[in-house]
Structures are given as structure tokens and as C-alpha cells.
Amino acid sequence: MKRFAGEEDTPIGAMPGCYRLGWRHGLLQEVAKARAVGVNSIVLFPKVYEALKNPTGDEACNNNGLVPRTIRLLKDKYPDLIIYIDVALDPYSSDGDDGIVREDAM
């Protein structure tokens, strides 16, 4: 079975001791800990597979993509949780830009 992007916790090489939290396990555990001490809002920053990236960031509009799946999971468990998301396209762009770059634009 193909695993979804972001399913497992993975270390961040440039930040020893820090991890990208998997949407099914580590993230749920951290949100539970945060909720236990009164935190009721989080910010999601996705990391998607390189193969899903393109110049127009189409994966950002995928209803079954990493962020929508994660939001559904969290809202099912914590309906009152406030979830902020980064709307820049850089996680989805093969060019690494925050938006769509057009060659004909000045």
C-alpha cells in the first residue's frame, strides 16, 4: 500500500531533535499535549512529495492532499480546534516560489 506524504514522523536534518510530525501519529500526540495545557490553535506547514510539485502548485487544490486530510483528521477529533494554514504555494511549487510565476508578467 502506498503511503501518503506526511504519514510518518521524520527528522529534520538541519534541525537536530526536531521532526516533521506525521499527520496520523506524531501530530495527534502533540496536539493532545498542547490541548492538555490549554492551547487551542495550531499552524500547519506541509511538506509534500517532490513528485507532486509543479510550476503552478496544483497539489494545493487537491481535496485529498496532505493539508485537507490533516484538517479533517484534527477536526474529527477536536471540532473546536483553530487551525491556521500557510496559503503560500512554495510547498507545492516545483520552482519553490510562493505564488505562480508567469513568463509574460513584468
PDB file of N, CA and C in Angstrom:
ATOM      1  N   MET A   1       0.831  -1.182   0.000  1.00  0.00           N
ATOM      2  CA  MET A   1       0.000   0.000   0.000  1.00  0.00           C
ATOM      3  C   MET A   1       0.879   1.250   0.000  1.00  0.00           C
ATOM      4  N   LYS A   2       0.586   2.181  -0.898  1.00  0.00           N
ATOM      5  CA  LYS A   2       1.367   3.407  -0.971  1.00  0.00           C
ATOM      6  C   LYS A   2       1.057   4.291   0.230  1.00  0.00           C
ATOM      7  N   ARG A   3       2.090   4.783   0.847  1.00  0.00           N
ATOM      8  CA  ARG A   3       1.910   5.659   1.997  1.00  0.00           C
ATOM      9  C   ARG A   3       1.715   7.091   1.518  1.00  0.00           C
ATOM     10  N   PHE A   4       0.881   7.826   2.229  1.00  0.00           N
ATOM     11  CA  PHE A   4       0.663   9.226   1.925  1.00  0.00           C
ATOM     12  C   PHE A   4       1.832  10.056   2.421  1.00  0.00           C
ATOM     13  N   ALA A   5       2.091  11.157   1.751  1.00  0.00           N
ATOM     14  CA  ALA A   5       3.095  12.104   2.225  1.00  0.00           C
ATOM     15  C   ALA A   5       2.707  12.564   3.621  1.00  0.00           C
ATOM     16  N   GLY A   6       3.687  12.668   4.490  1.00  0.00           N
ATOM     17  CA  GLY A   6       3.430  13.185   5.822  1.00  0.00           C
ATOM     18  C   GLY A   6       2.815  12.211   6.789  1.00  0.00           C
ATOM     19  N   GLU A   7       2.788  10.943   6.456  1.00  0.00           N
ATOM     20  CA  GLU A   7       2.149   9.969   7.339  1.00  0.00           C
ATOM     21  C   GLU A   7       3.018   9.628   8.544  1.00  0.00           C
ATOM     22  N   GLU A   8       4.330   9.633   8.372  1.00  0.00           N
ATOM     23  CA  GLU A   8       5.230   9.251   9.455  1.00  0.00           C
ATOM     24  C   GLU A   8       6.039  10.447   9.944  1.00  0.00           C
ATOM     25  N   ASP A   9       6.452  10.400  11.213  1.00  0.00           N
ATOM     26  CA  ASP A   9       7.346  11.422  11.750  1.00  0.00           C
ATOM     27  C   ASP A   9       8.712  11.240  11.099  1.00  0.00           C
ATOM     28  N   THR A  10       9.314  12.336  10.657  1.00  0.00           N
ATOM     29  CA  THR A  10      10.643  12.251  10.050  1.00  0.00           C
ATOM     30  C   THR A  10      11.535  13.348  10.624  1.00  0.00           C
ATOM     31  N   PRO A  11      12.796  13.007  10.941  1.00  0.00           N
ATOM     32  CA  PRO A  11      13.700  14.025  11.488  1.00  0.00           C
ATOM     33  C   PRO A  11      14.009  15.095  10.444  1.00  0.00           C
ATOM     34  N   ILE A  12      14.231  16.314  10.921  1.00  0.00           N
ATOM     35  CA  ILE A  12      14.646  17.412  10.055  1.00  0.00           C
ATOM     36  C   ILE A  12      16.151  17.521  10.203  1.00  0.00           C
ATOM     37  N   GLY A  13      16.883  17.159   9.152  1.00  0.00           N
ATOM     38  CA  GLY A  13      18.340  17.092   9.207  1.00  0.00           C
ATOM     39  C   GLY A  13      19.016  18.368   9.678  1.00  0.00           C
ATOM     40  N   ALA A  14      18.534  19.505   9.247  1.00  0.00           N
ATOM     41  CA  ALA A  14      19.149  20.787   9.599  1.00  0.00           C
ATOM     42  C   ALA A  14      18.765  21.262  10.995  1.00  0.00           C
ATOM     43  N   MET A  15      17.860  20.537  11.658  1.00  0.00           N
ATOM     44  CA  MET A  15      17.383  20.942  12.984  1.00  0.00           C
ATOM     45  C   MET A  15      17.392  19.731  13.914  1.00  0.00           C
ATOM     46  N   PRO A  16      18.559  19.366  14.425  1.00  0.00           N
ATOM     47  CA  PRO A  16      18.662  18.182  15.276  1.00  0.00           C
ATOM     48  C   PRO A  16      17.641  18.205  16.415  1.00  0.00           C
ATOM     49  N   GLY A  17      16.982  17.064  16.613  1.00  0.00           N
ATOM     50  CA  GLY A  17      15.982  16.934  17.667  1.00  0.00           C
ATOM     51  C   GLY A  17      14.593  17.400  17.264  1.00  0.00           C
ATOM     52  N   CYS A  18      14.463  17.930  16.031  1.00  0.00           N
ATOM     53  CA  CYS A  18      13.165  18.381  15.545  1.00  0.00           C
ATOM     54  C   CYS A  18      12.662  17.445  14.458  1.00  0.00           C
ATOM     55  N   TYR A  19      11.347  17.317  14.370  1.00  0.00           N
ATOM     56  CA  TYR A  19      10.730  16.386  13.429  1.00  0.00           C
ATOM     57  C   TYR A  19       9.585  17.038  12.668  1.00  0.00           C
ATOM     58  N   ARG A  20       9.392  16.552  11.447  1.00  0.00           N
ATOM     59  CA  ARG A  20       8.136  16.815  10.752  1.00  0.00           C
ATOM     60  C   ARG A  20       7.179  15.769  11.307  1.00  0.00           C
ATOM     61  N   LEU A  21       6.096  16.218  11.872  1.00  0.00           N
ATOM     62  CA  LEU A  21       5.178  15.301  12.534  1.00  0.00           C
ATOM     63  C   LEU A  21       4.226  14.670  11.539  1.00  0.00           C
ATOM     64  N   GLY A  22       4.105  13.360  11.596  1.00  0.00           N
ATOM     65  CA  GLY A  22       3.179  12.638  10.737  1.00  0.00           C
ATOM     66  C   GLY A  22       1.746  12.999  11.076  1.00  0.00           C
ATOM     67  N   TRP A  23       0.925  13.103  10.069  1.00  0.00           N
ATOM     68  CA  TRP A  23      -0.451  13.547  10.261  1.00  0.00           C
ATOM     69  C   TRP A  23      -1.301  12.555  11.032  1.00  0.00           C
ATOM     70  N   ARG A  24      -0.903  11.301  11.115  1.00  0.00           N
ATOM     71  CA  ARG A  24      -1.708  10.310  11.837  1.00  0.00           C
ATOM     72  C   ARG A  24      -1.220  10.022  13.249  1.00  0.00           C
ATOM     73  N   HIS A  25       0.032  10.299  13.534  1.00  0.00           N
ATOM     74  CA  HIS A  25       0.573   9.870  14.822  1.00  0.00           C
ATOM     75  C   HIS A  25       1.171  11.030  15.617  1.00  0.00           C
ATOM     76  N   GLY A  26       2.352  11.449  15.230  1.00  0.00           N
ATOM     77  CA  GLY A  26       3.058  12.486  15.990  1.00  0.00           C
ATOM     78  C   GLY A  26       2.266  13.763  16.135  1.00  0.00           C
ATOM     79  N   LEU A  27       1.608  14.186  15.075  1.00  0.00           N
ATOM     80  CA  LEU A  27       0.830  15.417  15.142  1.00  0.00           C
ATOM     81  C   LEU A  27      -0.314  15.275  16.147  1.00  0.00           C
ATOM     82  N   LEU A  28      -1.023  14.166  16.092  1.00  0.00           N
ATOM     83  CA  LEU A  28      -2.127  13.957  17.041  1.00  0.00           C
ATOM     84  C   LEU A  28      -1.633  13.950  18.480  1.00  0.00           C
ATOM     85  N   GLN A  29      -0.475  13.333  18.710  1.00  0.00           N
ATOM     86  CA  GLN A  29       0.084  13.290  20.058  1.00  0.00           C
ATOM     87  C   GLN A  29       0.457  14.692  20.538  1.00  0.00           C
ATOM     88  N   GLU A  30       1.076  15.483  19.676  1.00  0.00           N
ATOM     89  CA  GLU A  30       1.475  16.835  20.063  1.00  0.00           C
ATOM     90  C   GLU A  30       0.272  17.738  20.276  1.00  0.00           C
ATOM     91  N   VAL A  31      -0.745  17.605  19.440  1.00  0.00           N
ATOM     92  CA  VAL A  31      -1.959  18.405  19.628  1.00  0.00           C
ATOM     93  C   VAL A  31      -2.631  18.019  20.942  1.00  0.00           C
ATOM     94  N   ALA A  32      -2.668  16.737  21.265  1.00  0.00           N
ATOM     95  CA  ALA A  32      -3.254  16.295  22.538  1.00  0.00           C
ATOM     96  C   ALA A  32      -2.503  16.913  23.719  1.00  0.00           C
ATOM     97  N   LYS A  33      -1.174  16.917  23.652  1.00  0.00           N
ATOM     98  CA  LYS A  33      -0.370  17.521  24.725  1.00  0.00           C
ATOM     99  C   LYS A  33      -0.654  19.019  24.831  1.00  0.00           C
ATOM    100  N   ALA A  34      -0.729  19.683  23.689  1.00  0.00           N
ATOM    101  CA  ALA A  34      -0.985  21.125  23.679  1.00  0.00           C
ATOM    102  C   ALA A  34      -2.366  21.431  24.256  1.00  0.00           C
ATOM    103  N   ARG A  35      -3.358  20.648  23.855  1.00  0.00           N
ATOM    104  CA  ARG A  35      -4.714  20.850  24.356  1.00  0.00           C
ATOM    105  C   ARG A  35      -4.767  20.664  25.877  1.00  0.00           C
ATOM    106  N   ALA A  36      -3.995  19.707  26.375  1.00  0.00           N
ATOM    107  CA  ALA A  36      -3.985  19.430  27.814  1.00  0.00           C
ATOM    108  C   ALA A  36      -3.501  20.621  28.643  1.00  0.00           C
ATOM    109  N   VAL A  37      -2.723  21.514  28.024  1.00  0.00           N
ATOM    110  CA  VAL A  37      -2.243  22.699  28.743  1.00  0.00           C
ATOM    111  C   VAL A  37      -2.937  23.972  28.267  1.00  0.00           C
ATOM    112  N   GLY A  38      -4.055  23.819  27.540  1.00  0.00           N
ATOM    113  CA  GLY A  38      -4.873  24.962  27.182  1.00  0.00           C
ATOM    114  C   GLY A  38      -4.670  25.572  25.808  1.00  0.00           C
ATOM    115  N   VAL A  39      -3.794  25.002  25.003  1.00  0.00           N
ATOM    116  CA  VAL A  39      -3.579  25.523  23.650  1.00  0.00           C
ATOM    117  C   VAL A  39      -4.729  25.050  22.759  1.00  0.00           C
ATOM    118  N   ASN A  40      -5.339  25.974  22.015  1.00  0.00           N
ATOM    119  CA  ASN A  40      -6.465  25.591  21.175  1.00  0.00           C
ATOM    120  C   ASN A  40      -6.292  26.030  19.717  1.00  0.00           C
ATOM    121  N   SER A  41      -5.081  26.382  19.329  1.00  0.00           N
ATOM    122  CA  SER A  41      -4.862  26.731  17.924  1.00  0.00           C
ATOM    123  C   SER A  41      -3.483  26.250  17.495  1.00  0.00           C
ATOM    124  N   ILE A  42      -3.408  25.842  16.221  1.00  0.00           N
ATOM    125  CA  ILE A  42      -2.144  25.348  15.661  1.00  0.00           C
ATOM    126  C   ILE A  42      -1.969  25.928  14.261  1.00  0.00           C
ATOM    127  N   VAL A  43      -0.745  25.836  13.755  1.00  0.00           N
ATOM    128  CA  VAL A  43      -0.435  26.242  12.388  1.00  0.00           C
ATOM    129  C   VAL A  43       0.147  25.032  11.676  1.00  0.00           C
ATOM    130  N   LEU A  44      -0.355  24.741  10.484  1.00  0.00           N
ATOM    131  CA  LEU A  44       0.158  23.627   9.683  1.00  0.00           C
ATOM    132  C   LEU A  44       1.049  24.156   8.570  1.00  0.00           C
ATOM    133  N   PHE A  45       2.220  23.554   8.421  1.00  0.00           N
ATOM    134  CA  PHE A  45       3.132  23.835   7.328  1.00  0.00           C
ATOM    135  C   PHE A  45       3.436  22.503   6.636  1.00  0.00           C
ATOM    136  N   PRO A  46       2.913  22.284   5.441  1.00  0.00           N
ATOM    137  CA  PRO A  46       3.069  20.980   4.796  1.00  0.00           C
ATOM    138  C   PRO A  46       4.429  20.780   4.129  1.00  0.00           C
ATOM    139  N   LYS A  47       4.785  19.513   3.993  1.00  0.00           N
ATOM    140  CA  LYS A  47       5.941  19.083   3.206  1.00  0.00           C
ATOM    141  C   LYS A  47       5.424  17.967   2.318  1.00  0.00           C
ATOM    142  N   VAL A  48       5.304  18.231   1.014  1.00  0.00           N
ATOM    143  CA  VAL A  48       4.747  17.244   0.094  1.00  0.00           C
ATOM    144  C   VAL A  48       5.849  16.597  -0.736  1.00  0.00           C
ATOM    145  N   TYR A  49       5.530  15.438  -1.288  1.00  0.00           N
ATOM    146  CA  TYR A  49       6.478  14.733  -2.145  1.00  0.00           C
ATOM    147  C   TYR A  49       6.876  15.607  -3.335  1.00  0.00           C
ATOM    148  N   GLU A  50       8.138  15.529  -3.703  1.00  0.00           N
ATOM    149  CA  GLU A  50       8.635  16.281  -4.866  1.00  0.00           C
ATOM    150  C   GLU A  50       7.838  15.931  -6.127  1.00  0.00           C
ATOM    151  N   ALA A  51       7.439  14.681  -6.270  1.00  0.00           N
ATOM    152  CA  ALA A  51       6.702  14.242  -7.463  1.00  0.00           C
ATOM    153  C   ALA A  51       5.347  14.930  -7.599  1.00  0.00           C
ATOM    154  N   LEU A  52       4.821  15.490  -6.509  1.00  0.00           N
ATOM    155  CA  LEU A  52       3.528  16.156  -6.546  1.00  0.00           C
ATOM    156  C   LEU A  52       3.639  17.647  -6.864  1.00  0.00           C
ATOM    157  N   LYS A  53       4.860  18.148  -6.941  1.00  0.00           N
ATOM    158  CA  LYS A  53       5.077  19.571  -7.187  1.00  0.00           C
ATOM    159  C   LYS A  53       5.100  19.878  -8.682  1.00  0.00           C
ATOM    160  N   ASN A  54       4.595  21.057  -9.032  1.00  0.00           N
ATOM    161  CA  ASN A  54       4.704  21.539 -10.412  1.00  0.00           C
ATOM    162  C   ASN A  54       4.741  23.068 -10.384  1.00  0.00           C
ATOM    163  N   PRO A  55       4.983  23.717 -11.520  1.00  0.00           N
ATOM    164  CA  PRO A  55       5.133  25.177 -11.516  1.00  0.00           C
ATOM    165  C   PRO A  55       3.898  25.948 -11.029  1.00  0.00           C
ATOM    166  N   THR A  56       2.717  25.363 -11.126  1.00  0.00           N
ATOM    167  CA  THR A  56       1.505  26.060 -10.697  1.00  0.00           C
ATOM    168  C   THR A  56       0.971  25.574  -9.340  1.00  0.00           C
ATOM    169  N   GLY A  57       1.672  24.686  -8.680  1.00  0.00           N
ATOM    170  CA  GLY A  57       1.291  24.239  -7.338  1.00  0.00           C
ATOM    171  C   GLY A  57      -0.062  23.564  -7.260  1.00  0.00           C
ATOM    172  N   ASP A  58      -0.408  22.788  -8.280  1.00  0.00           N
ATOM    173  CA  ASP A  58      -1.733  22.162  -8.362  1.00  0.00           C
ATOM    174  C   ASP A  58      -2.103  21.317  -7.141  1.00  0.00           C
ATOM    175  N   GLU A  59      -1.122  20.703  -6.498  1.00  0.00           N
ATOM    176  CA  GLU A  59      -1.414  19.842  -5.343  1.00  0.00           C
ATOM    177  C   GLU A  59      -2.073  20.618  -4.201  1.00  0.00           C
ATOM    178  N   ALA A  60      -1.886  21.922  -4.154  1.00  0.00           N
ATOM    179  CA  ALA A  60      -2.515  22.749  -3.118  1.00  0.00           C
ATOM    180  C   ALA A  60      -4.036  22.704  -3.213  1.00  0.00           C
ATOM    181  N   CYS A  61      -4.566  22.364  -4.385  1.00  0.00           N
ATOM    182  CA  CYS A  61      -6.026  22.305  -4.600  1.00  0.00           C
ATOM    183  C   CYS A  61      -6.578  20.894  -4.508  1.00  0.00           C
ATOM    184  N   ASN A  62      -5.765  19.928  -4.146  1.00  0.00           N
ATOM    185  CA  ASN A  62      -6.190  18.536  -4.052  1.00  0.00           C
ATOM    186  C   ASN A  62      -6.965  18.317  -2.759  1.00  0.00           C
ATOM    187  N   ASN A  63      -8.264  18.032  -2.862  1.00  0.00           N
ATOM    188  CA  ASN A  63      -9.099  17.815  -1.679  1.00  0.00           C
ATOM    189  C   ASN A  63      -8.659  16.628  -0.839  1.00  0.00           C
ATOM    190  N   ASN A  64      -7.891  15.720  -1.413  1.00  0.00           N
ATOM    191  CA  ASN A  64      -7.371  14.581  -0.672  1.00  0.00           C
ATOM    192  C   ASN A  64      -5.883  14.719  -0.397  1.00  0.00           C
ATOM    193  N   GLY A  65      -5.370  15.931  -0.536  1.00  0.00           N
ATOM    194  CA  GLY A  65      -3.962  16.202  -0.278  1.00  0.00           C
ATOM    195  C   GLY A  65      -3.652  16.191   1.216  1.00  0.00           C
ATOM    196  N   LEU A  66      -2.399  16.403   1.514  1.00  0.00           N
ATOM    197  CA  LEU A  66      -1.908  16.326   2.888  1.00  0.00           C
ATOM    198  C   LEU A  66      -2.637  17.281   3.837  1.00  0.00           C
ATOM    199  N   VAL A  67      -2.769  18.538   3.484  1.00  0.00           N
ATOM    200  CA  VAL A  67      -3.388  19.507   4.390  1.00  0.00           C
ATOM    201  C   VAL A  67      -4.883  19.230   4.599  1.00  0.00           C
ATOM    202  N   PRO A  68      -5.675  19.036   3.536  1.00  0.00           N
ATOM    203  CA  PRO A  68      -7.092  18.733   3.786  1.00  0.00           C
ATOM    204  C   PRO A  68      -7.310  17.459   4.606  1.00  0.00           C
ATOM    205  N   ARG A  69      -6.516  16.416   4.342  1.00  0.00           N
ATOM    206  CA  ARG A  69      -6.637  15.175   5.138  1.00  0.00           C
ATOM    207  C   ARG A  69      -6.320  15.451   6.602  1.00  0.00           C
ATOM    208  N   THR A  70      -5.275  16.221   6.832  1.00  0.00           N
ATOM    209  CA  THR A  70      -4.859  16.533   8.200  1.00  0.00           C
ATOM    210  C   THR A  70      -5.914  17.357   8.917  1.00  0.00           C
ATOM    211  N   ILE A  71      -6.470  18.341   8.236  1.00  0.00           N
ATOM    212  CA  ILE A  71      -7.515  19.169   8.844  1.00  0.00           C
ATOM    213  C   ILE A  71      -8.730  18.315   9.197  1.00  0.00           C
ATOM    214  N   ARG A  72      -9.143  17.439   8.284  1.00  0.00           N
ATOM    215  CA  ARG A  72     -10.296  16.569   8.576  1.00  0.00           C
ATOM    216  C   ARG A  72     -10.030  15.689   9.795  1.00  0.00           C
ATOM    217  N   LEU A  73      -8.843  15.108   9.863  1.00  0.00           N
ATOM    218  CA  LEU A  73      -8.475  14.256  10.993  1.00  0.00           C
ATOM    219  C   LEU A  73      -8.535  15.039  12.305  1.00  0.00           C
ATOM    220  N   LEU A  74      -7.932  16.220  12.309  1.00  0.00           N
ATOM    221  CA  LEU A  74      -7.909  17.029  13.525  1.00  0.00           C
ATOM    222  C   LEU A  74      -9.302  17.527  13.920  1.00  0.00           C
ATOM    223  N   LYS A  75     -10.094  17.950  12.938  1.00  0.00           N
ATOM    224  CA  LYS A  75     -11.435  18.457  13.239  1.00  0.00           C
ATOM    225  C   LYS A  75     -12.368  17.345  13.705  1.00  0.00           C
ATOM    226  N   ASP A  76     -12.165  16.121  13.226  1.00  0.00           N
ATOM    227  CA  ASP A  76     -12.952  14.992  13.718  1.00  0.00           C
ATOM    228  C   ASP A  76     -12.676  14.755  15.200  1.00  0.00           C
ATOM    229  N   LYS A  77     -11.423  14.897  15.583  1.00  0.00           N
ATOM    230  CA  LYS A  77     -11.034  14.640  16.974  1.00  0.00           C
ATOM    231  C   LYS A  77     -11.245  15.864  17.866  1.00  0.00           C
ATOM    232  N   TYR A  78     -10.982  17.048  17.331  1.00  0.00           N
ATOM    233  CA  TYR A  78     -11.079  18.296  18.096  1.00  0.00           C
ATOM    234  C   TYR A  78     -11.881  19.327  17.287  1.00  0.00           C
ATOM    235  N   PRO A  79     -13.203  19.231  17.290  1.00  0.00           N
ATOM    236  CA  PRO A  79     -14.025  20.122  16.459  1.00  0.00           C
ATOM    237  C   PRO A  79     -13.816  21.612  16.715  1.00  0.00           C
ATOM    238  N   ASP A  80     -13.437  21.978  17.942  1.00  0.00           N
ATOM    239  CA  ASP A  80     -13.260  23.392  18.265  1.00  0.00           C
ATOM    240  C   ASP A  80     -11.827  23.885  18.066  1.00  0.00           C
ATOM    241  N   LEU A  81     -10.932  23.033  17.608  1.00  0.00           N
ATOM    242  CA  LEU A  81      -9.542  23.423  17.373  1.00  0.00           C
ATOM    243  C   LEU A  81      -9.477  24.459  16.259  1.00  0.00           C
ATOM    244  N   ILE A  82      -8.718  25.514  16.485  1.00  0.00           N
ATOM    245  CA  ILE A  82      -8.497  26.531  15.463  1.00  0.00           C
ATOM    246  C   ILE A  82      -7.237  26.139  14.700  1.00  0.00           C
ATOM    247  N   ILE A  83      -7.372  26.013  13.381  1.00  0.00           N
ATOM    248  CA  ILE A  83      -6.260  25.571  12.545  1.00  0.00           C
ATOM    249  C   ILE A  83      -5.932  26.667  11.539  1.00  0.00           C
ATOM    250  N   TYR A  84      -4.703  27.141  11.590  1.00  0.00           N
ATOM    251  CA  TYR A  84      -4.213  28.109  10.617  1.00  0.00           C
ATOM    252  C   TYR A  84      -3.370  27.347   9.595  1.00  0.00           C
ATOM    253  N   ILE A  85      -3.426  27.782   8.356  1.00  0.00           N
ATOM    254  CA  ILE A  85      -2.584  27.160   7.337  1.00  0.00           C
ATOM    255  C   ILE A  85      -1.839  28.240   6.568  1.00  0.00           C
ATOM    256  N   ASP A  86      -0.682  27.879   6.085  1.00  0.00           N
ATOM    257  CA  ASP A  86       0.111  28.763   5.241  1.00  0.00           C
ATOM    258  C   ASP A  86      -0.441  28.624   3.825  1.00  0.00           C
ATOM    259  N   VAL A  87      -0.906  29.708   3.229  1.00  0.00           N
ATOM    260  CA  VAL A  87      -1.500  29.627   1.904  1.00  0.00           C
ATOM    261  C   VAL A  87      -0.499  29.878   0.778  1.00  0.00           C
ATOM    262  N   ALA A  88       0.757  30.105   1.111  1.00  0.00           N
ATOM    263  CA  ALA A  88       1.773  30.278   0.071  1.00  0.00           C
ATOM    264  C   ALA A  88       1.946  28.960  -0.687  1.00  0.00           C
ATOM    265  N   LEU A  89       2.299  29.053  -1.955  1.00  0.00           N
ATOM    266  CA  LEU A  89       2.426  27.852  -2.794  1.00  0.00           C
ATOM    267  C   LEU A  89       3.793  27.185  -2.732  1.00  0.00           C
ATOM    268  N   ASP A  90       4.749  27.747  -2.022  1.00  0.00           N
ATOM    269  CA  ASP A  90       6.100  27.172  -2.061  1.00  0.00           C
ATOM    270  C   ASP A  90       6.183  25.700  -1.692  1.00  0.00           C
ATOM    271  N   PRO A  91       5.358  25.146  -0.761  1.00  0.00           N
ATOM    272  CA  PRO A  91       5.466  23.706  -0.511  1.00  0.00           C
ATOM    273  C   PRO A  91       5.004  22.843  -1.692  1.00  0.00           C
ATOM    274  N   TYR A  92       4.249  23.444  -2.614  1.00  0.00           N
ATOM    275  CA  TYR A  92       3.664  22.709  -3.733  1.00  0.00           C
ATOM    276  C   TYR A  92       4.318  23.048  -5.076  1.00  0.00           C
ATOM    277  N   SER A  93       5.150  24.062  -5.090  1.00  0.00           N
ATOM    278  CA  SER A  93       5.735  24.567  -6.327  1.00  0.00           C
ATOM    279  C   SER A  93       7.073  23.904  -6.643  1.00  0.00           C
ATOM    280  N   SER A  94       7.211  23.438  -7.861  1.00  0.00           N
ATOM    281  CA  SER A  94       8.483  22.848  -8.277  1.00  0.00           C
ATOM    282  C   SER A  94       9.566  23.917  -8.385  1.00  0.00           C
ATOM    283  N   ASP A  95       9.149  25.175  -8.490  1.00  0.00           N
ATOM    284  CA  ASP A  95      10.099  26.292  -8.571  1.00  0.00           C
ATOM    285  C   ASP A  95      10.441  26.851  -7.199  1.00  0.00           C
ATOM    286  N   GLY A  96       9.687  26.453  -6.179  1.00  0.00           N
ATOM    287  CA  GLY A  96       9.923  26.942  -4.829  1.00  0.00           C
ATOM    288  C   GLY A  96       9.380  28.338  -4.579  1.00  0.00           C
ATOM    289  N   ASP A  97       8.591  28.864  -5.516  1.00  0.00           N
ATOM    290  CA  ASP A  97       8.023  30.198  -5.358  1.00  0.00           C
ATOM    291  C   ASP A  97       6.760  30.152  -4.512  1.00  0.00           C
ATOM    292  N   ASP A  98       6.449  31.277  -3.855  1.00  0.00           N
ATOM    293  CA  ASP A  98       5.242  31.367  -3.032  1.00  0.00           C
ATOM    294  C   ASP A  98       3.979  31.533  -3.853  1.00  0.00           C
ATOM    295  N   GLY A  99       4.123  31.880  -5.100  1.00  0.00           N
ATOM    296  CA  GLY A  99       2.979  32.068  -5.980  1.00  0.00           C
ATOM    297  C   GLY A  99       3.316  31.544  -7.364  1.00  0.00           C
ATOM    298  N   ILE A 100       2.409  31.774  -8.300  1.00  0.00           N
ATOM    299  CA  ILE A 100       2.624  31.334  -9.677  1.00  0.00           C
ATOM    300  C   ILE A 100       3.396  32.414 -10.412  1.00  0.00           C
ATOM    301  N   VAL A 101       4.493  32.023 -11.029  1.00  0.00           N
ATOM    302  CA  VAL A 101       5.332  32.962 -11.790  1.00  0.00           C
ATOM    303  C   VAL A 101       5.027  32.800 -13.260  1.00  0.00           C
ATOM    304  N   ARG A 102       4.615  33.891 -13.874  1.00  0.00           N
ATOM    305  CA  ARG A 102       4.286  33.864 -15.306  1.00  0.00           C
ATOM    306  C   ARG A 102       5.430  34.513 -16.073  1.00  0.00           C
ATOM    307  N   GLU A 103       5.781  33.895 -17.184  1.00  0.00           N
ATOM    308  CA  GLU A 103       6.866  34.430 -18.007  1.00  0.00           C
ATOM    309  C   GLU A 103       6.487  35.750 -18.662  1.00  0.00           C
ATOM    310  N   ASP A 104       5.192  35.969 -18.913  1.00  0.00           N
ATOM    311  CA  ASP A 104       4.772  37.196 -19.587  1.00  0.00           C
ATOM    312  C   ASP A 104       4.502  38.348 -18.624  1.00  0.00           C
ATOM    313  N   ALA A 105       4.672  38.133 -17.324  1.00  0.00           N
ATOM    314  CA  ALA A 105       4.426  39.188 -16.340  1.00  0.00           C
ATOM    315  C   ALA A 105       5.664  40.056 -16.170  1.00  0.00           C
ATOM    316  N   MET A 106       5.428  41.282 -15.820  1.00  0.00           N
ATOM    317  CA  MET A 106       6.551  42.197 -15.602  1.00  0.00           C
ATOM    318  C   MET A 106       6.656  42.567 -14.156  1.00  0.00           C
TER     319      MET A 106
END
